[in-house]
Amino acid sequence: MTADRDEAFVVFQIGLRINAFWKVHRWLPLLLVAPRMVRELVADSESGLLESRTVVGPGLRHIGFVQYWESFDALREYARDGDRLHAPAWRDYYQSGTGSDAAVGIWHETYLVRAGEYETVYNNMPPHGLAACDGTEIVPAADQRETAAGRLGHTDEEPDSTGDVSEAN
């Protein structure tokens, strides 16, 4: 199966890395507020959040979220809204000194994705990632959609934008 979405969307990855396990007072507040932010967003159907998945990395040192948003404006509006959990938590992070003592690292990456400029495939999976977002149709990965190149609108012999020939799956 593959995901078919007509509208552009945003992929937002955000997380933290515990650098000093013994400084619990630095990383625990972040670890506790992050899921509350996701619950706050999920509870508000107008927030612009389409889907959020929690990701735990090696050694339980890395905790993050992969999120799908309807637009960058919706993401930015949430981040800056002083009446929501994020802006006060961000302010507390810096005012507490957590941001300067290196006990915990934070990061995020934002990707703006235009309609038709993404590729997905799911085998033996319940709706996951983009396929789990409202406004996305799950369709068979057949015919033109059988290969990664085909799902991106290329043929296996057609060069991509870098001049490289697309590969199957």
N, C-alpha and C. Protein backbone atom coordinates (compact mmCIF):
# COMPACT_ATOMS: atom_id res chain seq x y z
N MET A 1 0.85 -1.18 0.00
CA MET A 1 0.00 0.00 0.00
C MET A 1 0.89 1.24 0.00
N THR A 2 0.31 2.36 -0.40
CA THR A 2 1.02 3.63 -0.40
C THR A 2 0.03 4.73 0.00
N ALA A 3 0.57 5.86 0.40
CA ALA A 3 -0.26 7.00 0.81
C ALA A 3 -0.41 7.96 -0.35
N ASP A 4 -1.61 8.44 -0.56
CA ASP A 4 -1.90 9.38 -1.63
C ASP A 4 -2.54 10.62 -0.99
N ARG A 5 -1.85 11.74 -1.08
CA ARG A 5 -2.33 12.98 -0.45
C ARG A 5 -2.26 14.10 -1.48
N ASP A 6 -3.35 14.82 -1.67
CA ASP A 6 -3.40 15.91 -2.65
C ASP A 6 -2.80 17.21 -2.14
N GLU A 7 -2.83 17.43 -0.82
CA GLU A 7 -2.36 18.71 -0.28
C GLU A 7 -0.91 18.61 0.19
N ALA A 8 -0.23 19.76 0.17
CA ALA A 8 1.11 19.85 0.74
C ALA A 8 1.00 19.60 2.25
N PHE A 9 2.12 19.26 2.87
CA PHE A 9 2.13 19.03 4.31
C PHE A 9 3.54 19.29 4.84
N VAL A 10 3.68 19.24 6.15
CA VAL A 10 4.96 19.47 6.81
C VAL A 10 5.30 18.25 7.63
N VAL A 11 6.55 17.79 7.51
CA VAL A 11 7.08 16.75 8.40
C VAL A 11 7.97 17.47 9.40
N PHE A 12 7.66 17.30 10.67
CA PHE A 12 8.39 17.96 11.75
C PHE A 12 8.93 16.89 12.68
N GLN A 13 10.24 16.88 12.85
CA GLN A 13 10.87 15.95 13.78
C GLN A 13 11.45 16.77 14.91
N ILE A 14 11.18 16.35 16.13
CA ILE A 14 11.66 17.07 17.29
C ILE A 14 12.04 16.07 18.37
N GLY A 15 13.06 16.40 19.13
CA GLY A 15 13.44 15.47 20.18
C GLY A 15 14.44 16.04 21.14
N LEU A 16 14.80 15.18 22.08
CA LEU A 16 15.82 15.55 23.06
C LEU A 16 16.79 14.40 23.22
N ARG A 17 17.98 14.74 23.66
CA ARG A 17 19.02 13.76 23.95
C ARG A 17 19.49 14.00 25.37
N ILE A 18 19.40 13.00 26.20
CA ILE A 18 19.88 13.11 27.58
C ILE A 18 21.39 12.93 27.55
N ASN A 19 22.10 13.99 27.92
CA ASN A 19 23.56 13.96 27.92
C ASN A 19 24.13 13.63 29.29
N ALA A 20 23.38 13.90 30.34
CA ALA A 20 23.83 13.65 31.71
C ALA A 20 22.66 13.03 32.48
N PHE A 21 22.63 11.69 32.52
CA PHE A 21 21.51 10.99 33.18
C PHE A 21 21.35 11.42 34.64
N TRP A 22 22.44 11.73 35.32
CA TRP A 22 22.38 12.09 36.74
C TRP A 22 21.76 13.46 36.99
N LYS A 23 21.59 14.28 35.96
CA LYS A 23 20.96 15.60 36.11
C LYS A 23 19.47 15.50 35.79
N VAL A 24 18.79 14.66 36.53
CA VAL A 24 17.37 14.38 36.31
C VAL A 24 16.55 15.67 36.34
N HIS A 25 16.90 16.61 37.18
CA HIS A 25 16.15 17.86 37.30
C HIS A 25 16.21 18.69 36.02
N ARG A 26 17.16 18.40 35.13
CA ARG A 26 17.27 19.12 33.86
C ARG A 26 16.43 18.47 32.76
N TRP A 27 16.49 17.15 32.63
CA TRP A 27 15.81 16.51 31.51
C TRP A 27 14.40 16.01 31.83
N LEU A 28 14.11 15.67 33.07
CA LEU A 28 12.79 15.14 33.40
C LEU A 28 11.65 16.12 33.09
N PRO A 29 11.78 17.41 33.41
CA PRO A 29 10.68 18.32 33.05
C PRO A 29 10.38 18.33 31.54
N LEU A 30 11.40 18.25 30.71
CA LEU A 30 11.19 18.21 29.26
C LEU A 30 10.53 16.90 28.85
N LEU A 31 11.00 15.82 29.45
CA LEU A 31 10.45 14.51 29.14
C LEU A 31 8.98 14.41 29.53
N LEU A 32 8.58 15.10 30.58
CA LEU A 32 7.20 15.05 31.04
C LEU A 32 6.28 15.99 30.26
N VAL A 33 6.79 17.14 29.83
CA VAL A 33 5.92 18.10 29.14
C VAL A 33 5.70 17.72 27.67
N ALA A 34 6.66 17.05 27.04
CA ALA A 34 6.54 16.73 25.61
C ALA A 34 5.28 15.92 25.29
N PRO A 35 4.99 14.83 25.99
CA PRO A 35 3.75 14.10 25.67
C PRO A 35 2.50 14.90 25.98
N ARG A 36 2.57 15.77 26.96
CA ARG A 36 1.42 16.64 27.26
C ARG A 36 1.16 17.58 26.09
N MET A 37 2.23 18.08 25.45
CA MET A 37 2.05 18.95 24.27
C MET A 37 1.35 18.18 23.16
N VAL A 38 1.78 16.94 22.94
CA VAL A 38 1.15 16.14 21.88
C VAL A 38 -0.32 15.92 22.21
N ARG A 39 -0.63 15.58 23.45
CA ARG A 39 -2.04 15.38 23.83
C ARG A 39 -2.84 16.66 23.63
N GLU A 40 -2.23 17.81 23.96
CA GLU A 40 -2.90 19.10 23.77
C GLU A 40 -3.24 19.31 22.29
N LEU A 41 -2.31 18.99 21.43
CA LEU A 41 -2.52 19.15 19.99
C LEU A 41 -3.56 18.18 19.45
N VAL A 42 -3.47 16.93 19.87
CA VAL A 42 -4.42 15.91 19.39
C VAL A 42 -5.84 16.25 19.82
N ALA A 43 -5.99 16.82 21.01
CA ALA A 43 -7.32 17.18 21.52
C ALA A 43 -7.95 18.35 20.77
N ASP A 44 -7.14 19.12 20.05
CA ASP A 44 -7.63 20.29 19.32
C ASP A 44 -7.62 19.98 17.82
N SER A 45 -8.77 19.64 17.28
CA SER A 45 -8.86 19.27 15.86
C SER A 45 -8.49 20.41 14.92
N GLU A 46 -8.43 21.64 15.43
CA GLU A 46 -8.07 22.80 14.62
C GLU A 46 -6.58 23.15 14.73
N SER A 47 -5.80 22.36 15.46
CA SER A 47 -4.38 22.69 15.71
C SER A 47 -3.52 22.62 14.46
N GLY A 48 -3.91 21.79 13.51
CA GLY A 48 -3.09 21.60 12.31
C GLY A 48 -2.21 20.37 12.39
N LEU A 49 -2.14 19.73 13.55
CA LEU A 49 -1.38 18.48 13.68
C LEU A 49 -2.19 17.36 13.03
N LEU A 50 -1.57 16.64 12.11
CA LEU A 50 -2.25 15.55 11.43
C LEU A 50 -1.96 14.20 12.07
N GLU A 51 -0.74 14.04 12.60
CA GLU A 51 -0.30 12.75 13.16
C GLU A 51 0.98 12.98 13.95
N SER A 52 1.18 12.21 15.01
CA SER A 52 2.41 12.28 15.79
C SER A 52 2.79 10.89 16.26
N ARG A 53 4.05 10.55 16.09
CA ARG A 53 4.58 9.26 16.53
C ARG A 53 5.76 9.51 17.46
N THR A 54 5.82 8.76 18.55
CA THR A 54 6.94 8.85 19.48
C THR A 54 8.04 7.90 19.02
N VAL A 55 9.28 8.37 19.11
CA VAL A 55 10.44 7.58 18.70
C VAL A 55 11.44 7.56 19.85
N VAL A 56 11.90 6.37 20.23
CA VAL A 56 12.91 6.24 21.28
C VAL A 56 14.16 5.66 20.65
N GLY A 57 15.29 6.33 20.87
CA GLY A 57 16.53 5.92 20.24
C GLY A 57 17.39 5.04 21.12
N PRO A 58 18.60 4.82 20.68
CA PRO A 58 19.51 3.90 21.37
C PRO A 58 19.75 4.29 22.83
N GLY A 59 19.74 3.28 23.69
CA GLY A 59 20.08 3.47 25.09
C GLY A 59 19.11 4.36 25.85
N LEU A 60 17.91 4.54 25.33
CA LEU A 60 16.91 5.42 25.95
C LEU A 60 17.43 6.83 26.15
N ARG A 61 18.47 7.20 25.45
CA ARG A 61 19.07 8.54 25.55
C ARG A 61 18.36 9.53 24.64
N HIS A 62 17.77 9.04 23.56
CA HIS A 62 17.11 9.89 22.56
C HIS A 62 15.60 9.64 22.60
N ILE A 63 14.83 10.69 22.76
CA ILE A 63 13.37 10.60 22.73
C ILE A 63 12.89 11.70 21.78
N GLY A 64 12.01 11.32 20.88
CA GLY A 64 11.54 12.33 19.94
C GLY A 64 10.18 12.00 19.37
N PHE A 65 9.76 12.86 18.47
CA PHE A 65 8.47 12.72 17.81
C PHE A 65 8.65 13.01 16.33
N VAL A 66 7.98 12.23 15.51
CA VAL A 66 7.83 12.52 14.09
C VAL A 66 6.39 12.96 13.92
N GLN A 67 6.21 14.17 13.42
CA GLN A 67 4.87 14.73 13.30
C GLN A 67 4.59 15.16 11.87
N TYR A 68 3.32 15.09 11.52
CA TYR A 68 2.83 15.57 10.23
C TYR A 68 1.87 16.71 10.53
N TRP A 69 2.10 17.84 9.86
CA TRP A 69 1.30 19.05 10.06
C TRP A 69 0.68 19.46 8.74
N GLU A 70 -0.48 20.10 8.82
CA GLU A 70 -1.13 20.56 7.59
C GLU A 70 -0.39 21.73 6.95
N SER A 71 0.37 22.51 7.74
CA SER A 71 1.12 23.64 7.18
C SER A 71 2.18 24.12 8.17
N PHE A 72 3.17 24.82 7.64
CA PHE A 72 4.19 25.42 8.49
C PHE A 72 3.56 26.51 9.36
N ASP A 73 2.60 27.24 8.82
CA ASP A 73 1.94 28.30 9.60
C ASP A 73 1.25 27.73 10.83
N ALA A 74 0.61 26.56 10.71
CA ALA A 74 -0.05 25.93 11.86
C ALA A 74 0.98 25.51 12.90
N LEU A 75 2.09 24.96 12.45
CA LEU A 75 3.17 24.57 13.37
C LEU A 75 3.74 25.78 14.09
N ARG A 76 4.03 26.83 13.35
CA ARG A 76 4.60 28.05 13.94
C ARG A 76 3.61 28.71 14.90
N GLU A 77 2.34 28.72 14.55
CA GLU A 77 1.32 29.31 15.42
C GLU A 77 1.28 28.60 16.76
N TYR A 78 1.34 27.27 16.74
CA TYR A 78 1.35 26.52 17.99
C TYR A 78 2.62 26.84 18.80
N ALA A 79 3.76 26.84 18.16
CA ALA A 79 5.03 27.06 18.85
C ALA A 79 5.08 28.40 19.56
N ARG A 80 4.44 29.40 18.99
CA ARG A 80 4.51 30.77 19.54
C ARG A 80 3.35 31.14 20.46
N ASP A 81 2.33 30.30 20.56
CA ASP A 81 1.13 30.62 21.32
C ASP A 81 1.41 30.53 22.82
N GLY A 82 1.43 31.66 23.51
CA GLY A 82 1.71 31.71 24.93
C GLY A 82 0.65 31.07 25.80
N ASP A 83 -0.52 30.79 25.25
CA ASP A 83 -1.59 30.13 26.01
C ASP A 83 -1.52 28.61 25.89
N ARG A 84 -0.60 28.11 25.09
CA ARG A 84 -0.44 26.66 24.91
C ARG A 84 0.83 26.23 25.63
N LEU A 85 1.09 24.95 25.74
CA LEU A 85 2.20 24.43 26.55
C LEU A 85 3.59 24.73 26.00
N HIS A 86 3.76 24.80 24.68
CA HIS A 86 5.10 24.90 24.12
C HIS A 86 5.85 26.19 24.50
N ALA A 87 5.26 27.34 24.28
CA ALA A 87 5.98 28.60 24.51
C ALA A 87 6.45 28.74 25.96
N PRO A 88 5.61 28.47 26.95
CA PRO A 88 6.11 28.55 28.33
C PRO A 88 7.20 27.51 28.63
N ALA A 89 7.07 26.30 28.08
CA ALA A 89 8.10 25.28 28.31
C ALA A 89 9.43 25.70 27.69
N TRP A 90 9.38 26.29 26.50
CA TRP A 90 10.58 26.79 25.83
C TRP A 90 11.24 27.88 26.67
N ARG A 91 10.44 28.80 27.16
CA ARG A 91 10.95 29.88 28.01
C ARG A 91 11.59 29.31 29.29
N ASP A 92 10.92 28.36 29.93
CA ASP A 92 11.45 27.73 31.15
C ASP A 92 12.77 27.02 30.88
N TYR A 93 12.87 26.38 29.73
CA TYR A 93 14.10 25.66 29.35
C TYR A 93 15.29 26.62 29.38
N TYR A 94 15.14 27.78 28.79
CA TYR A 94 16.25 28.74 28.75
C TYR A 94 16.44 29.48 30.07
N GLN A 95 15.36 29.87 30.72
CA GLN A 95 15.49 30.62 31.98
C GLN A 95 16.04 29.75 33.10
N SER A 96 15.82 28.44 33.05
CA SER A 96 16.31 27.54 34.10
C SER A 96 17.79 27.24 33.97
N GLY A 97 18.38 27.59 32.83
CA GLY A 97 19.78 27.27 32.60
C GLY A 97 19.99 25.92 31.93
N THR A 98 18.92 25.17 31.73
CA THR A 98 19.04 23.86 31.11
C THR A 98 19.64 23.97 29.72
N GLY A 99 19.31 25.02 29.01
CA GLY A 99 19.83 25.20 27.65
C GLY A 99 21.31 25.50 27.60
N SER A 100 21.90 25.88 28.71
CA SER A 100 23.32 26.25 28.68
C SER A 100 24.24 25.27 29.41
N ASP A 101 23.70 24.33 30.19
CA ASP A 101 24.61 23.44 30.92
C ASP A 101 24.86 22.11 30.22
N ALA A 102 24.28 21.87 29.07
CA ALA A 102 24.52 20.69 28.22
C ALA A 102 24.06 19.38 28.82
N ALA A 103 23.25 19.40 29.88
CA ALA A 103 22.74 18.16 30.46
C ALA A 103 21.76 17.47 29.51
N VAL A 104 21.09 18.28 28.72
CA VAL A 104 20.13 17.74 27.75
C VAL A 104 20.23 18.58 26.48
N GLY A 105 20.21 17.89 25.36
CA GLY A 105 20.20 18.57 24.07
C GLY A 105 18.81 18.50 23.47
N ILE A 106 18.43 19.50 22.73
CA ILE A 106 17.17 19.48 22.01
C ILE A 106 17.43 19.78 20.54
N TRP A 107 16.57 19.31 19.70
CA TRP A 107 16.74 19.51 18.26
C TRP A 107 15.38 19.43 17.58
N HIS A 108 15.31 20.01 16.40
CA HIS A 108 14.16 19.78 15.53
C HIS A 108 14.56 19.99 14.08
N GLU A 109 13.79 19.38 13.19
CA GLU A 109 13.95 19.52 11.75
C GLU A 109 12.56 19.68 11.15
N THR A 110 12.44 20.59 10.19
CA THR A 110 11.16 20.87 9.56
C THR A 110 11.31 20.69 8.05
N TYR A 111 10.44 19.90 7.47
CA TYR A 111 10.47 19.64 6.03
C TYR A 111 9.12 20.04 5.43
N LEU A 112 9.14 20.93 4.45
CA LEU A 112 7.93 21.32 3.74
C LEU A 112 7.82 20.41 2.52
N VAL A 113 6.72 19.69 2.41
CA VAL A 113 6.56 18.69 1.36
C VAL A 113 5.41 19.11 0.45
N ARG A 114 5.72 19.27 -0.82
CA ARG A 114 4.68 19.61 -1.79
C ARG A 114 3.95 18.34 -2.22
N ALA A 115 2.70 18.50 -2.57
CA ALA A 115 1.90 17.37 -3.03
C ALA A 115 2.61 16.69 -4.19
N GLY A 116 2.68 15.37 -4.15
CA GLY A 116 3.29 14.60 -5.22
C GLY A 116 4.81 14.49 -5.13
N GLU A 117 5.44 15.13 -4.16
CA GLU A 117 6.90 15.09 -4.04
C GLU A 117 7.32 14.33 -2.79
N TYR A 118 6.74 13.17 -2.62
CA TYR A 118 7.06 12.29 -1.52
C TYR A 118 6.79 10.87 -2.00
N GLU A 119 7.26 9.91 -1.24
CA GLU A 119 7.07 8.52 -1.61
C GLU A 119 6.89 7.73 -0.33
N THR A 120 5.94 6.80 -0.32
CA THR A 120 5.70 5.96 0.84
C THR A 120 5.38 4.54 0.39
N VAL A 121 5.65 3.59 1.25
CA VAL A 121 5.20 2.22 1.01
C VAL A 121 5.00 1.56 2.37
N TYR A 122 3.96 0.74 2.46
CA TYR A 122 3.61 0.05 3.70
C TYR A 122 3.24 -1.38 3.34
N ASN A 123 3.85 -2.33 4.03
CA ASN A 123 3.54 -3.74 3.80
C ASN A 123 3.25 -4.39 5.16
N ASN A 124 2.10 -4.99 5.28
CA ASN A 124 1.70 -5.65 6.53
C ASN A 124 1.73 -4.66 7.70
N MET A 125 1.27 -3.45 7.46
CA MET A 125 1.26 -2.40 8.48
C MET A 125 -0.14 -1.81 8.62
N PRO A 126 -0.53 -1.48 9.85
CA PRO A 126 -1.73 -0.66 10.00
C PRO A 126 -1.39 0.75 9.52
N PRO A 127 -2.36 1.63 9.35
CA PRO A 127 -2.03 3.00 8.94
C PRO A 127 -0.95 3.59 9.85
N HIS A 128 0.10 4.11 9.24
CA HIS A 128 1.28 4.59 9.96
C HIS A 128 1.82 5.82 9.24
N GLY A 129 2.37 6.76 9.99
CA GLY A 129 2.98 7.93 9.38
C GLY A 129 1.98 8.71 8.53
N LEU A 130 2.39 9.06 7.33
CA LEU A 130 1.53 9.84 6.45
C LEU A 130 0.22 9.12 6.17
N ALA A 131 0.26 7.80 6.07
CA ALA A 131 -0.96 7.03 5.78
C ALA A 131 -1.99 7.14 6.90
N ALA A 132 -1.57 7.51 8.11
CA ALA A 132 -2.48 7.63 9.24
C ALA A 132 -3.07 9.03 9.36
N CYS A 133 -2.67 9.96 8.50
CA CYS A 133 -3.14 11.34 8.59
C CYS A 133 -4.50 11.52 7.94
N ASP A 134 -5.34 12.36 8.57
CA ASP A 134 -6.59 12.74 7.94
C ASP A 134 -6.30 13.38 6.59
N GLY A 135 -7.12 13.12 5.62
CA GLY A 135 -6.94 13.71 4.30
C GLY A 135 -6.00 12.92 3.41
N THR A 136 -5.54 11.76 3.88
CA THR A 136 -4.66 10.90 3.09
C THR A 136 -5.40 9.62 2.76
N GLU A 137 -5.35 9.24 1.50
CA GLU A 137 -5.98 8.00 1.06
C GLU A 137 -4.92 6.90 0.99
N ILE A 138 -5.26 5.71 1.42
CA ILE A 138 -4.36 4.56 1.32
C ILE A 138 -4.76 3.80 0.07
N VAL A 139 -3.82 3.65 -0.85
CA VAL A 139 -4.12 3.02 -2.13
C VAL A 139 -3.11 1.92 -2.41
N PRO A 140 -3.45 0.97 -3.27
CA PRO A 140 -2.51 -0.11 -3.59
C PRO A 140 -1.23 0.43 -4.25
N ALA A 141 -0.11 -0.16 -3.89
CA ALA A 141 1.17 0.18 -4.52
C ALA A 141 1.33 -0.71 -5.74
N ALA A 142 0.53 -0.45 -6.74
CA ALA A 142 0.50 -1.27 -7.95
C ALA A 142 0.66 -0.37 -9.18
N ASP A 143 0.93 -1.02 -10.31
CA ASP A 143 1.11 -0.31 -11.58
C ASP A 143 2.17 0.78 -11.43
N GLN A 144 1.84 2.03 -11.73
CA GLN A 144 2.80 3.13 -11.64
C GLN A 144 3.36 3.26 -10.22
N ARG A 145 2.58 2.87 -9.23
CA ARG A 145 3.00 3.03 -7.83
C ARG A 145 3.77 1.81 -7.29
N GLU A 146 4.15 0.90 -8.16
CA GLU A 146 4.80 -0.33 -7.70
C GLU A 146 6.24 -0.10 -7.22
N THR A 147 6.93 0.90 -7.75
CA THR A 147 8.32 1.17 -7.35
C THR A 147 8.42 2.55 -6.71
N ALA A 148 9.50 2.78 -5.98
CA ALA A 148 9.74 4.10 -5.38
C ALA A 148 9.77 5.17 -6.46
N ALA A 149 10.47 4.88 -7.56
CA ALA A 149 10.54 5.85 -8.66
C ALA A 149 9.15 6.14 -9.21
N GLY A 150 8.35 5.10 -9.38
CA GLY A 150 7.00 5.28 -9.90
C GLY A 150 6.12 6.10 -8.96
N ARG A 151 6.26 5.85 -7.66
CA ARG A 151 5.47 6.61 -6.69
C ARG A 151 5.86 8.08 -6.70
N LEU A 152 7.07 8.37 -7.13
CA LEU A 152 7.52 9.77 -7.25
C LEU A 152 7.25 10.34 -8.63
N GLY A 153 6.60 9.55 -9.51
CA GLY A 153 6.27 10.04 -10.84
C GLY A 153 7.38 9.89 -11.85
N HIS A 154 8.39 9.07 -11.53
CA HIS A 154 9.50 8.80 -12.45
C HIS A 154 9.35 7.39 -13.02
N THR A 155 10.13 7.10 -14.03
CA THR A 155 10.25 5.72 -14.48
C THR A 155 11.61 5.23 -14.02
N ASP A 156 11.82 3.94 -14.03
CA ASP A 156 13.09 3.40 -13.57
C ASP A 156 14.27 3.79 -14.47
N GLU A 157 14.00 4.19 -15.69
CA GLU A 157 15.07 4.59 -16.61
C GLU A 157 15.24 6.10 -16.68
N GLU A 158 14.38 6.84 -16.04
CA GLU A 158 14.36 8.30 -16.15
C GLU A 158 15.29 8.93 -15.10
N PRO A 159 16.16 9.86 -15.52
CA PRO A 159 17.00 10.52 -14.52
C PRO A 159 16.18 11.41 -13.60
N ASP A 160 16.58 11.45 -12.31
CA ASP A 160 15.90 12.35 -11.37
C ASP A 160 16.52 13.74 -11.49
N SER A 161 16.16 14.64 -10.59
CA SER A 161 16.61 16.03 -10.68
C SER A 161 18.12 16.19 -10.52
N THR A 162 18.82 15.15 -10.00
CA THR A 162 20.28 15.23 -9.85
C THR A 162 21.00 14.62 -11.05
N GLY A 163 20.23 14.03 -11.97
CA GLY A 163 20.83 13.40 -13.13
C GLY A 163 21.03 11.90 -12.94
N ASP A 164 20.83 11.40 -11.71
CA ASP A 164 20.97 9.97 -11.45
C ASP A 164 19.74 9.25 -11.98
N VAL A 165 19.93 8.02 -12.39
CA VAL A 165 18.82 7.20 -12.85
C VAL A 165 18.09 6.67 -11.64
N SER A 166 16.77 6.78 -11.63
CA SER A 166 15.95 6.28 -10.53
C SER A 166 16.09 4.77 -10.43
N GLU A 167 16.04 4.26 -9.18
CA GLU A 167 16.11 2.83 -8.94
C GLU A 167 14.76 2.31 -8.49
N ALA A 168 14.49 1.06 -8.77
CA ALA A 168 13.26 0.44 -8.30
C ALA A 168 13.34 0.24 -6.79
N ASN A 169 12.20 0.47 -6.10
CA ASN A 169 12.09 0.32 -4.66
C ASN A 169 13.36 0.69 -4.00
